[in-house]
Amino acid sequence: MKKSLYSMVLLLVCNIASAQVGINNTAPKATLDITAKTTDGSTPEGLLVPRLTGDEIKLADAMYGTDQKGTFIYATAAVTVASTKTANITAEGYYFFDGSIWQEVGSNAINYTAGNGLTLNGTETELGGTLNKSTIITQGNFPLAFTSSATNGFSVDGTTWSVDAANNRVGIGTASPTAPLEINNGSTAGALKIIDGTQGLGKVLSSDADGVATWSTTVVTAFANDWTPYSGTLVDPFTGGTGGAGLNTGLSVVIPEQGWYFFRCGLTIQSGCNDYSFYINGIGDVWKTYCNVADTQMMSPRDQSRVLYFSTAGTYTVLAAKTNGVVPNNFNMGNPAFYLDFVKFQN
């Protein structure tokens, strides 16, 4: 034993001049260079560092400071009640002291800081924190989805924008929307602004049959300017000896778009007692007279007007009807002659 000790002392002394120590070698390549004594597996090789339980390491908390930064140790068990310095000693394994706290060494060891929307909690990185720079997420071809069952499952600045995931609602200006989309601007006018190229002063928002909305004017034309006449050639529909509806007039009207239309029509009929009408099936009458007395007379009023609504554009047939089999003595007689025209005045 003495011989071995003397040999080691001699080896250490011989290397002091170069400030390097070699174990099992005479030419150390670093401050401490250890070479395996055997390579045939006949003896255990390696370096055994101090082995202590987590609680034993904690007892020496006061002994570790900046001067001990880099100290290497093996914890044989986790600390029972952690201190600040031993908070990370949660399992058996190698640890090093970073000057403030013991850090685990191994395949799961992490040495990092958190920031820009992340919070470091011990060894865990938690989502949530303060952004300190502009952040862009490049999704490429991958979707970004959020799932929630909360009434305010996703929000921006409280009430600026809120998603009620529990009831499938979105609130702007409110965190508790009561409809699929609620815009709450308080008492300030102008909560909604839609710019699509059709906007303009005095226009209103209207939709088509599919619910697609665009801006349009409420009053679209002056009655005196843009009247559209009927199409076709008028024929006498009342020559039959029985009453009924669906009689052919030879006329139709072409409605260019959905909306309210003002119709005017004039027709002179001399007849015995009967009711006569021109109408558009499913829309309404464009002209109608009633029998007042049994004598043959001019049906009145001759000139009439109607307001009719058309939900879709298209060509509509003008039909006729009469109550009984009386045939007019004269149809479309005198001057002025028959007329029928119309104009759109509101969407």
Protein backbone atom coordinates (compact mmCIF):
# COMPACT_ATOMS: atom_id res chain seq x y z
CA MET A 1 0.00 0.00 0.00
CA LYS A 2 2.82 2.37 0.89
CA LYS A 3 4.50 1.61 -2.41
CA SER A 4 1.37 2.50 -4.38
CA LEU A 5 0.88 5.72 -2.42
CA TYR A 6 4.48 6.77 -2.98
CA SER A 7 4.11 6.05 -6.71
CA MET A 8 1.03 8.27 -6.94
CA VAL A 9 2.69 11.09 -5.01
CA LEU A 10 5.70 10.84 -7.30
CA LEU A 11 3.40 10.96 -10.37
CA LEU A 12 1.61 14.04 -9.09
CA VAL A 13 4.84 15.83 -8.21
CA CYS A 14 6.30 15.10 -11.62
CA ASN A 15 3.38 16.80 -13.33
CA ILE A 16 3.14 19.89 -11.12
CA ALA A 17 5.46 21.80 -13.41
CA SER A 18 2.98 21.56 -16.25
CA ALA A 19 -0.08 22.02 -13.93
CA GLN A 20 -1.61 18.83 -15.38
CA VAL A 21 -2.31 15.54 -13.65
CA GLY A 22 -2.37 12.16 -15.33
CA ILE A 23 -3.74 9.00 -13.77
CA ASN A 24 -2.50 5.80 -15.36
CA ASN A 25 -0.60 7.91 -17.91
CA THR A 26 2.54 10.06 -17.96
CA ALA A 27 1.48 12.58 -20.59
CA PRO A 28 -1.82 14.17 -19.47
CA LYS A 29 -3.63 16.08 -22.16
CA ALA A 30 -5.76 18.21 -19.79
CA THR A 31 -5.80 19.45 -16.21
CA LEU A 32 -6.87 15.95 -15.17
CA ASP A 33 -6.42 13.06 -17.61
CA ILE A 34 -7.54 9.61 -16.47
CA THR A 35 -6.65 6.55 -18.52
CA ALA A 36 -8.34 3.21 -17.90
CA LYS A 37 -6.06 0.83 -16.06
CA THR A 38 -7.41 -2.25 -17.80
CA THR A 39 -9.32 -2.82 -20.99
CA ASP A 40 -10.10 -6.52 -20.64
CA GLY A 41 -13.05 -6.12 -18.28
CA SER A 42 -11.20 -7.58 -15.33
CA THR A 43 -11.74 -4.50 -13.14
CA PRO A 44 -14.41 -1.76 -13.01
CA GLU A 45 -13.25 1.43 -14.67
CA GLY A 46 -14.67 4.93 -14.33
CA LEU A 47 -14.93 7.95 -12.07
CA LEU A 48 -17.06 7.89 -8.94
CA VAL A 49 -18.28 11.34 -7.91
CA PRO A 50 -19.72 12.08 -4.47
CA ARG A 51 -23.03 10.26 -3.92
CA LEU A 52 -25.63 11.83 -1.63
CA THR A 53 -29.38 11.76 -1.21
CA GLY A 54 -31.37 14.85 -2.16
CA ASP A 55 -31.93 15.61 1.50
CA GLU A 56 -28.18 15.36 2.22
CA ILE A 57 -27.46 17.74 -0.65
CA LYS A 58 -30.08 20.14 0.73
CA LEU A 59 -28.34 20.14 4.14
CA ALA A 60 -25.32 21.74 2.45
CA ASP A 61 -27.31 24.54 0.74
CA ALA A 62 -25.33 27.22 2.56
CA MET A 63 -22.08 25.72 1.30
CA TYR A 64 -22.89 26.24 -2.37
CA GLY A 65 -22.51 29.62 -4.03
CA THR A 66 -20.92 31.14 -7.11
CA ASP A 67 -17.52 29.67 -6.17
CA GLN A 68 -19.04 26.18 -6.44
CA LYS A 69 -20.50 26.76 -9.90
CA GLY A 70 -19.83 23.64 -12.00
CA THR A 71 -19.77 21.20 -9.07
CA PHE A 72 -20.75 17.69 -10.15
CA ILE A 73 -22.61 15.26 -7.88
CA TYR A 74 -24.79 12.14 -7.98
CA ALA A 75 -28.12 12.17 -6.13
CA THR A 76 -29.14 8.71 -4.98
CA ALA A 77 -32.70 9.84 -4.20
CA ALA A 78 -34.98 12.81 -4.75
CA VAL A 79 -35.17 15.54 -2.12
CA THR A 80 -38.14 15.10 0.21
CA VAL A 81 -39.01 18.78 0.69
CA ALA A 82 -37.18 20.90 -1.83
CA SER A 83 -35.41 24.18 -1.20
CA THR A 84 -34.78 26.77 -3.89
CA LYS A 85 -31.42 25.24 -4.76
CA THR A 86 -32.65 21.62 -4.75
CA ALA A 87 -35.99 22.21 -6.55
CA ASN A 88 -34.83 20.22 -9.58
CA ILE A 89 -33.62 17.17 -7.66
CA THR A 90 -36.76 15.16 -8.33
CA ALA A 91 -35.17 11.80 -9.15
CA GLU A 92 -31.97 9.83 -8.82
CA GLY A 93 -29.27 10.95 -11.21
CA TYR A 94 -26.37 13.27 -11.96
CA TYR A 95 -26.68 16.98 -11.15
CA PHE A 96 -24.45 20.00 -11.52
CA PHE A 97 -24.59 23.30 -9.65
CA ASP A 98 -25.03 26.32 -11.96
CA GLY A 99 -24.23 28.87 -9.27
CA SER A 100 -27.86 29.20 -8.14
CA ILE A 101 -29.60 25.85 -8.44
CA TRP A 102 -28.83 22.19 -9.03
CA GLN A 103 -29.56 21.19 -12.64
CA GLU A 104 -30.16 17.65 -13.84
CA VAL A 105 -27.67 16.12 -16.27
CA GLY A 106 -28.75 13.45 -18.72
CA SER A 107 -30.89 12.71 -21.78
CA ASN A 108 -33.75 14.76 -20.33
CA ALA A 109 -31.64 17.62 -19.09
CA ILE A 110 -32.74 21.05 -20.28
CA ASN A 111 -30.96 24.32 -19.85
CA TYR A 112 -32.97 27.16 -21.30
CA THR A 113 -34.76 30.41 -20.74
CA ALA A 114 -38.26 31.36 -21.83
CA GLY A 115 -39.67 34.47 -23.42
CA ASN A 116 -41.85 36.01 -26.14
CA GLY A 117 -45.12 34.50 -25.00
CA LEU A 118 -43.66 31.60 -22.98
CA THR A 119 -43.16 31.24 -19.22
CA LEU A 120 -40.47 29.08 -17.59
CA ASN A 121 -41.83 27.22 -14.55
CA GLY A 122 -39.05 25.08 -13.10
CA THR A 123 -38.19 22.59 -15.83
CA GLU A 124 -41.45 23.18 -17.71
CA THR A 125 -42.15 25.72 -20.43
CA GLU A 126 -45.72 26.99 -20.22
CA LEU A 127 -47.68 28.77 -22.95
CA GLY A 128 -48.60 32.24 -21.74
CA GLY A 129 -46.50 35.29 -21.14
CA THR A 130 -45.49 38.63 -22.60
CA LEU A 131 -44.47 39.05 -26.23
CA ASN A 132 -41.32 41.10 -26.61
CA LYS A 133 -41.13 41.09 -30.41
CA SER A 134 -43.36 40.70 -33.45
CA THR A 135 -44.42 37.10 -33.91
CA ILE A 136 -45.32 35.42 -37.20
CA ILE A 137 -46.49 31.82 -37.47
CA THR A 138 -45.95 30.34 -40.93
CA GLN A 139 -48.54 27.60 -41.28
CA GLY A 140 -47.75 26.47 -44.79
CA ASN A 141 -50.26 23.76 -45.69
CA PHE A 142 -51.10 22.96 -42.07
CA PRO A 143 -54.24 24.25 -40.32
CA LEU A 144 -54.18 26.09 -37.00
CA ALA A 145 -57.22 25.12 -34.93
CA PHE A 146 -58.48 25.91 -31.45
CA THR A 147 -61.00 23.79 -29.54
CA SER A 148 -62.89 24.99 -26.50
CA SER A 149 -66.12 24.48 -24.56
CA ALA A 150 -65.98 27.82 -22.72
CA THR A 151 -68.37 30.73 -23.32
CA ASN A 152 -65.38 33.04 -23.79
CA GLY A 153 -63.12 30.39 -25.27
CA PHE A 154 -60.98 32.78 -27.30
CA SER A 155 -60.82 36.54 -26.98
CA VAL A 156 -58.83 39.61 -27.91
CA ASP A 157 -58.50 42.32 -25.27
CA GLY A 158 -61.55 41.14 -23.34
CA THR A 159 -64.51 42.32 -25.41
CA THR A 160 -62.85 43.53 -28.62
CA TRP A 161 -63.45 40.08 -30.10
CA SER A 162 -64.79 37.03 -28.30
CA VAL A 163 -65.66 33.48 -29.39
CA ASP A 164 -68.39 31.73 -27.39
CA ALA A 165 -67.40 28.15 -28.15
CA ALA A 166 -70.10 26.73 -25.88
CA ASN A 167 -72.93 28.27 -27.94
CA ASN A 168 -71.23 28.81 -31.34
CA ARG A 169 -71.39 32.60 -31.17
CA VAL A 170 -69.02 35.45 -31.96
CA GLY A 171 -69.08 38.78 -30.17
CA ILE A 172 -67.52 42.05 -31.28
CA GLY A 173 -67.59 44.57 -28.47
CA THR A 174 -69.02 41.97 -26.08
CA ALA A 175 -67.77 38.82 -24.36
CA SER A 176 -71.30 37.39 -24.03
CA PRO A 177 -72.95 37.43 -27.48
CA THR A 178 -76.60 36.36 -27.64
CA ALA A 179 -76.71 35.68 -31.41
CA PRO A 180 -74.41 33.87 -33.88
CA LEU A 181 -72.85 37.31 -34.54
CA GLU A 182 -73.37 40.24 -32.19
CA ILE A 183 -71.78 43.65 -32.69
CA ASN A 184 -72.09 45.83 -29.61
CA ASN A 185 -70.93 49.38 -30.21
CA GLY A 186 -72.70 50.85 -27.20
CA SER A 187 -74.43 54.12 -28.05
CA THR A 188 -71.99 55.03 -30.84
CA ALA A 189 -73.40 54.93 -34.38
CA GLY A 190 -71.56 53.18 -37.19
CA ALA A 191 -70.99 49.71 -35.74
CA LEU A 192 -70.89 48.06 -39.16
CA LYS A 193 -68.91 49.02 -42.26
CA ILE A 194 -68.98 46.94 -45.44
CA ILE A 195 -67.00 48.01 -48.49
CA ASP A 196 -67.46 45.83 -51.57
CA GLY A 197 -67.62 48.33 -54.42
CA THR A 198 -71.42 48.65 -54.33
CA GLN A 199 -71.55 50.97 -51.32
CA GLY A 200 -72.83 54.52 -51.67
CA LEU A 201 -74.64 57.33 -49.90
CA GLY A 202 -78.22 56.41 -48.95
CA LYS A 203 -77.95 52.78 -50.02
CA VAL A 204 -79.35 49.85 -48.04
CA LEU A 205 -78.09 46.29 -47.65
CA SER A 206 -80.23 43.72 -49.46
CA SER A 207 -79.76 40.04 -50.25
CA ASP A 208 -80.46 37.74 -53.15
CA ALA A 209 -82.20 34.37 -52.93
CA ASP A 210 -78.98 32.75 -51.64
CA GLY A 211 -78.49 35.31 -48.88
CA VAL A 212 -75.63 37.15 -50.60
CA ALA A 213 -75.88 40.79 -49.57
CA THR A 214 -74.96 43.87 -51.59
CA TRP A 215 -75.61 47.57 -51.26
CA SER A 216 -78.49 48.97 -53.33
CA THR A 217 -80.57 52.12 -53.47
CA THR A 218 -83.99 52.18 -51.83
CA VAL A 219 -85.69 54.25 -54.54
CA VAL A 220 -84.25 53.23 -57.87
CA THR A 221 -86.00 55.51 -60.36
CA ALA A 222 -88.51 58.30 -60.80
CA PHE A 223 -91.86 57.10 -62.10
CA ALA A 224 -91.86 59.52 -65.03
CA ASN A 225 -88.56 58.51 -66.57
CA ASP A 226 -88.09 54.81 -67.18
CA TRP A 227 -91.38 53.01 -67.87
CA THR A 228 -91.17 49.62 -69.56
CA PRO A 229 -94.06 48.52 -71.84
CA TYR A 230 -95.52 45.05 -72.12
CA SER A 231 -94.33 42.48 -74.66
CA GLY A 232 -96.54 40.75 -77.23
CA THR A 233 -99.75 41.63 -79.11
CA LEU A 234 -103.04 42.13 -77.31
CA VAL A 235 -105.88 39.72 -78.17
CA ASP A 236 -109.46 39.80 -76.83
CA PRO A 237 -109.55 37.14 -74.08
CA PHE A 238 -113.26 37.54 -73.27
CA THR A 239 -114.91 36.04 -76.38
CA GLY A 240 -115.78 32.74 -74.73
CA GLY A 241 -119.31 31.98 -73.59
CA THR A 242 -118.32 30.87 -70.07
CA GLY A 243 -116.63 32.54 -67.16
CA GLY A 244 -113.23 31.54 -65.81
CA ALA A 245 -109.56 32.43 -65.37
CA GLY A 246 -106.31 31.73 -67.21
CA LEU A 247 -107.55 33.37 -70.41
CA ASN A 248 -104.95 34.26 -73.04
CA THR A 249 -104.19 37.96 -73.57
CA GLY A 250 -101.12 37.56 -75.79
CA LEU A 251 -99.15 39.71 -73.33
CA SER A 252 -96.19 39.28 -70.98
CA VAL A 253 -93.88 41.51 -68.94
CA VAL A 254 -90.10 41.10 -68.51
CA ILE A 255 -89.01 41.82 -64.92
CA PRO A 256 -85.25 42.55 -64.84
CA GLU A 257 -84.62 42.02 -61.12
CA GLN A 258 -86.17 41.44 -57.73
CA GLY A 259 -88.07 44.36 -56.25
CA TRP A 260 -91.25 46.44 -56.03
CA TYR A 261 -92.82 47.64 -59.28
CA PHE A 262 -95.47 50.22 -60.06
CA PHE A 263 -97.87 49.05 -62.83
CA ARG A 264 -100.37 51.16 -64.76
CA CYS A 265 -102.93 49.89 -67.26
CA GLY A 266 -105.80 51.31 -69.31
CA LEU A 267 -108.50 49.35 -71.20
CA THR A 268 -111.95 50.34 -72.57
CA ILE A 269 -114.65 47.65 -72.42
CA GLN A 270 -118.38 48.08 -73.10
CA SER A 271 -120.36 45.17 -71.68
CA GLY A 272 -123.32 43.90 -69.78
CA CYS A 273 -122.88 42.95 -66.15
CA ASN A 274 -119.63 41.07 -65.66
CA ASP A 275 -116.33 41.35 -63.77
CA TYR A 276 -113.19 41.53 -65.92
CA SER A 277 -109.50 41.41 -64.90
CA PHE A 278 -105.95 41.19 -66.19
CA TYR A 279 -103.52 39.54 -63.73
CA ILE A 280 -100.12 37.87 -63.27
CA ASN A 281 -100.50 34.47 -61.67
CA GLY A 282 -99.02 34.33 -58.15
CA ILE A 283 -98.30 38.08 -58.18
CA GLY A 284 -101.59 40.00 -58.40
CA ASP A 285 -104.03 41.98 -60.57
CA VAL A 286 -102.80 44.66 -62.94
CA TRP A 287 -106.33 45.76 -63.96
CA LYS A 288 -109.86 44.84 -62.78
CA THR A 289 -113.45 46.12 -63.11
CA TYR A 290 -116.65 45.14 -61.34
CA CYS A 291 -120.26 45.05 -62.55
CA ASN A 292 -122.37 47.77 -60.93
CA VAL A 293 -125.67 47.59 -62.88
CA ALA A 294 -127.27 45.10 -65.23
CA ASP A 295 -127.39 47.48 -68.18
CA THR A 296 -124.76 47.52 -70.89
CA GLN A 297 -122.20 50.19 -70.02
CA MET A 298 -118.57 51.21 -70.12
CA MET A 299 -116.57 49.27 -67.52
CA SER A 300 -114.86 51.60 -65.07
CA PRO A 301 -112.44 52.71 -63.91
CA ARG A 302 -110.69 52.56 -67.25
CA ASP A 303 -107.23 53.65 -66.05
CA GLN A 304 -105.78 51.83 -63.04
CA SER A 305 -102.48 51.35 -61.20
CA ARG A 306 -101.05 48.64 -58.97
CA VAL A 307 -97.96 48.05 -56.78
CA LEU A 308 -96.61 44.50 -57.19
CA TYR A 309 -93.61 42.69 -55.70
CA PHE A 310 -91.47 40.23 -57.68
CA SER A 311 -89.05 38.03 -55.73
CA THR A 312 -87.16 36.91 -58.84
CA ALA A 313 -86.41 38.27 -62.28
CA GLY A 314 -88.03 36.68 -65.31
CA THR A 315 -90.75 36.82 -67.97
CA TYR A 316 -94.27 36.75 -66.52
CA THR A 317 -97.40 36.00 -68.57
CA VAL A 318 -100.35 38.37 -68.26
CA LEU A 319 -103.62 36.38 -68.05
CA ALA A 320 -107.27 37.40 -67.99
CA ALA A 321 -110.43 36.35 -66.16
CA LYS A 322 -114.18 37.07 -66.21
CA THR A 323 -116.88 36.08 -63.79
CA ASN A 324 -119.61 34.83 -66.16
CA GLY A 325 -120.26 34.07 -69.80
CA VAL A 326 -121.26 37.61 -70.82
CA VAL A 327 -119.23 38.73 -73.84
CA PRO A 328 -118.27 42.42 -74.16
CA ASN A 329 -120.12 44.44 -76.81
CA ASN A 330 -116.87 46.29 -77.52
CA PHE A 331 -113.28 45.49 -76.45
CA ASN A 332 -110.42 48.05 -76.56
CA MET A 333 -112.61 50.62 -78.22
CA GLY A 334 -112.13 54.35 -78.71
CA ASN A 335 -109.13 56.50 -77.97
CA PRO A 336 -106.76 56.13 -76.13
CA ALA A 337 -106.01 52.52 -76.94
CA PHE A 338 -104.91 49.84 -74.48
CA TYR A 339 -101.67 50.39 -72.57
CA LEU A 340 -99.73 48.49 -69.89
CA ASP A 341 -96.33 49.50 -68.53
CA PHE A 342 -94.36 49.35 -65.31
CA VAL A 343 -91.35 50.77 -63.44
CA LYS A 344 -89.28 49.55 -60.50
CA PHE A 345 -89.24 51.90 -57.54
CA GLN A 346 -87.82 49.91 -54.60
CA ASN A 347 -85.78 46.80 -53.91
